[in-house]
Amino acid sequence: MALVLPERGCLVACEKDATSLDVAKRYYERAGVSHKVDVRHGLAADTLRSMIQNGEACRYDFAFVDAEKRMYQQYFELLLQLVRVGGVIVLDNVLWHGKVADPLGKSN
């Protein structure tokens, strides 16, 4: 995604795992896009809340979520505050084996 951003564009990436974060940073560097990527270490929900509290509401055009399915509702609610009107929010794998993900984790 960062490859197609304009030079002044910014991608915010949330990652809770330090090892995965280090790997991602190396790939951003290798792709020549590290100047466009703001990598934030921590839980995504905490990061999104912090972004809202820091005045970043309605500043984003696009959000892509590929994370814990049980958290999607919470991420979506937070992203509604961060993505501008007319922006796009994409949630990966909302269907799992043909079924809607169970937020309570009761189904297999």
C-alpha atoms as a PDB file:
ATOM      1  CA  MET A   1       0.000   0.000   0.000  1.00  0.00           C
ATOM      2  CA  ALA A   2       2.807   2.401   0.833  1.00  0.00           C
ATOM      3  CA  LEU A   3       4.236   1.959  -2.669  1.00  0.00           C
ATOM      4  CA  VAL A   4       1.223   3.689  -4.228  1.00  0.00           C
ATOM      5  CA  LEU A   5       0.961   6.500  -1.694  1.00  0.00           C
ATOM      6  CA  PRO A   6       1.955   9.976  -2.843  1.00  0.00           C
ATOM      7  CA  GLU A   7       5.328  11.094  -1.477  1.00  0.00           C
ATOM      8  CA  ARG A   8       3.620  13.089   1.269  1.00  0.00           C
ATOM      9  CA  GLY A   9       1.228  10.240   2.092  1.00  0.00           C
ATOM     10  CA  CYS A  10       1.443   8.331   5.345  1.00  0.00           C
ATOM     11  CA  LEU A  11       0.546   4.778   6.271  1.00  0.00           C
ATOM     12  CA  VAL A  12       0.069   4.004   9.967  1.00  0.00           C
ATOM     13  CA  ALA A  13       0.860   0.378  10.800  1.00  0.00           C
ATOM     14  CA  CYS A  14      -0.068  -1.085  14.195  1.00  0.00           C
ATOM     15  CA  GLU A  15       1.810  -4.130  15.445  1.00  0.00           C
ATOM     16  CA  LYS A  16       1.711  -5.685  18.909  1.00  0.00           C
ATOM     17  CA  ASP A  17       4.548  -8.161  18.365  1.00  0.00           C
ATOM     18  CA  ALA A  18       8.040  -6.629  18.570  1.00  0.00           C
ATOM     19  CA  THR A  19       9.616  -9.295  16.353  1.00  0.00           C
ATOM     20  CA  SER A  20       7.016  -8.814  13.615  1.00  0.00           C
ATOM     21  CA  LEU A  21       7.467  -5.068  13.943  1.00  0.00           C
ATOM     22  CA  ASP A  22      11.216  -5.359  13.323  1.00  0.00           C
ATOM     23  CA  VAL A  23      10.637  -7.579  10.289  1.00  0.00           C
ATOM     24  CA  ALA A  24       8.077  -5.129   8.887  1.00  0.00           C
ATOM     25  CA  LYS A  25      10.448  -2.192   9.340  1.00  0.00           C
ATOM     26  CA  ARG A  26      13.152  -4.025   7.381  1.00  0.00           C
ATOM     27  CA  TYR A  27      10.721  -4.668   4.520  1.00  0.00           C
ATOM     28  CA  TYR A  28       9.560  -1.034   4.495  1.00  0.00           C
ATOM     29  CA  GLU A  29      13.201   0.012   4.294  1.00  0.00           C
ATOM     30  CA  ARG A  30      13.966  -2.492   1.526  1.00  0.00           C
ATOM     31  CA  ALA A  31      10.945  -1.278  -0.470  1.00  0.00           C
ATOM     32  CA  GLY A  32      12.069   2.334  -0.083  1.00  0.00           C
ATOM     33  CA  VAL A  33       8.885   3.406   1.692  1.00  0.00           C
ATOM     34  CA  SER A  34       9.980   3.673   5.329  1.00  0.00           C
ATOM     35  CA  HIS A  35       9.587   7.472   5.130  1.00  0.00           C
ATOM     36  CA  LYS A  36       5.876   6.928   4.383  1.00  0.00           C
ATOM     37  CA  VAL A  37       5.200   4.413   7.173  1.00  0.00           C
ATOM     38  CA  ASP A  38       4.531   5.337  10.789  1.00  0.00           C
ATOM     39  CA  VAL A  39       4.920   2.046  12.672  1.00  0.00           C
ATOM     40  CA  ARG A  40       3.257   2.027  16.084  1.00  0.00           C
ATOM     41  CA  HIS A  41       4.057  -0.707  18.588  1.00  0.00           C
ATOM     42  CA  GLY A  42       1.188  -1.835  20.783  1.00  0.00           C
ATOM     43  CA  LEU A  43      -2.360  -3.100  20.701  1.00  0.00           C
ATOM     44  CA  ALA A  44      -4.292  -1.707  17.750  1.00  0.00           C
ATOM     45  CA  ALA A  45      -7.300  -0.601  19.831  1.00  0.00           C
ATOM     46  CA  ASP A  46      -5.020   1.327  22.193  1.00  0.00           C
ATOM     47  CA  THR A  47      -3.223   2.902  19.243  1.00  0.00           C
ATOM     48  CA  LEU A  48      -6.482   3.932  17.573  1.00  0.00           C
ATOM     49  CA  ARG A  49      -7.817   5.443  20.820  1.00  0.00           C
ATOM     50  CA  SER A  50      -4.556   7.344  21.243  1.00  0.00           C
ATOM     51  CA  MET A  51      -4.806   8.668  17.689  1.00  0.00           C
ATOM     52  CA  ILE A  52      -8.313   9.968  18.402  1.00  0.00           C
ATOM     53  CA  GLN A  53      -7.214  11.570  21.685  1.00  0.00           C
ATOM     54  CA  ASN A  54      -4.282  13.212  19.875  1.00  0.00           C
ATOM     55  CA  GLY A  55      -6.610  15.015  17.473  1.00  0.00           C
ATOM     56  CA  GLU A  56      -6.255  12.724  14.467  1.00  0.00           C
ATOM     57  CA  ALA A  57     -10.019  12.280  13.974  1.00  0.00           C
ATOM     58  CA  CYS A  58     -11.217  12.502  10.360  1.00  0.00           C
ATOM     59  CA  ARG A  59      -7.652  12.745   9.004  1.00  0.00           C
ATOM     60  CA  TYR A  60      -7.486   9.435   7.176  1.00  0.00           C
ATOM     61  CA  ASP A  61      -8.792   8.430   3.745  1.00  0.00           C
ATOM     62  CA  PHE A  62      -8.461   4.671   4.050  1.00  0.00           C
ATOM     63  CA  ALA A  63      -8.144   1.999   6.733  1.00  0.00           C
ATOM     64  CA  PHE A  64      -7.324  -1.676   6.250  1.00  0.00           C
ATOM     65  CA  VAL A  65      -7.705  -4.094   9.156  1.00  0.00           C
ATOM     66  CA  ASP A  66      -6.236  -7.599   9.226  1.00  0.00           C
ATOM     67  CA  ALA A  67      -6.189  -8.495  12.904  1.00  0.00           C
ATOM     68  CA  GLU A  68      -8.021 -10.450  15.603  1.00  0.00           C
ATOM     69  CA  LYS A  69     -11.502 -11.051  14.214  1.00  0.00           C
ATOM     70  CA  ARG A  70     -13.141 -10.797  17.646  1.00  0.00           C
ATOM     71  CA  MET A  71     -11.918  -7.182  17.833  1.00  0.00           C
ATOM     72  CA  TYR A  72     -13.283  -6.078  14.458  1.00  0.00           C
ATOM     73  CA  GLN A  73     -16.385  -4.383  15.879  1.00  0.00           C
ATOM     74  CA  GLN A  74     -14.257  -2.298  18.244  1.00  0.00           C
ATOM     75  CA  TYR A  75     -11.741  -1.434  15.499  1.00  0.00           C
ATOM     76  CA  PHE A  76     -14.575  -0.441  13.172  1.00  0.00           C
ATOM     77  CA  GLU A  77     -16.151   1.860  15.774  1.00  0.00           C
ATOM     78  CA  LEU A  78     -12.799   3.556  16.417  1.00  0.00           C
ATOM     79  CA  LEU A  79     -12.007   3.858  12.723  1.00  0.00           C
ATOM     80  CA  LEU A  80     -15.336   5.573  12.101  1.00  0.00           C
ATOM     81  CA  GLN A  81     -13.858   8.445  14.110  1.00  0.00           C
ATOM     82  CA  LEU A  82     -10.501   8.441  12.304  1.00  0.00           C
ATOM     83  CA  VAL A  83     -11.544   8.012   8.664  1.00  0.00           C
ATOM     84  CA  ARG A  84     -12.998  11.079   6.978  1.00  0.00           C
ATOM     85  CA  VAL A  85     -16.510  11.140   5.525  1.00  0.00           C
ATOM     86  CA  GLY A  86     -16.258   9.484   2.114  1.00  0.00           C
ATOM     87  CA  GLY A  87     -13.216   7.446   3.172  1.00  0.00           C
ATOM     88  CA  VAL A  88     -13.014   3.663   3.017  1.00  0.00           C
ATOM     89  CA  ILE A  89     -12.667   1.091   5.811  1.00  0.00           C
ATOM     90  CA  VAL A  90     -11.755  -2.454   4.729  1.00  0.00           C
ATOM     91  CA  LEU A  91     -11.905  -5.394   7.147  1.00  0.00           C
ATOM     92  CA  ASP A  92     -10.098  -8.504   5.906  1.00  0.00           C
ATOM     93  CA  ASN A  93     -11.677 -11.954   6.270  1.00  0.00           C
ATOM     94  CA  VAL A  94     -15.013 -10.918   7.768  1.00  0.00           C
ATOM     95  CA  LEU A  95     -16.264 -14.257   6.506  1.00  0.00           C
ATOM     96  CA  TRP A  96     -14.418 -17.276   7.852  1.00  0.00           C
ATOM     97  CA  HIS A  97     -15.124 -20.569   6.090  1.00  0.00           C
ATOM     98  CA  GLY A  98     -18.356 -19.049   4.769  1.00  0.00           C
ATOM     99  CA  LYS A  99     -19.549 -17.801   8.157  1.00  0.00           C
ATOM    100  CA  VAL A 100     -19.500 -14.434   9.834  1.00  0.00           C
ATOM    101  CA  ALA A 101     -16.841 -14.335  12.548  1.00  0.00           C
ATOM    102  CA  ASP A 102     -18.307 -14.835  16.029  1.00  0.00           C
ATOM    103  CA  PRO A 103     -17.157 -11.914  18.208  1.00  0.00           C
ATOM    104  CA  LEU A 104     -17.604 -14.014  21.350  1.00  0.00           C
ATOM    105  CA  GLY A 105     -15.472 -16.842  19.998  1.00  0.00           C
ATOM    106  CA  LYS A 106     -18.195 -19.456  20.562  1.00  0.00           C
ATOM    107  CA  SER A 107     -18.013 -21.001  17.101  1.00  0.00           C
ATOM    108  CA  ASN A 108     -15.143 -22.928  15.530  1.00  0.00           C
END
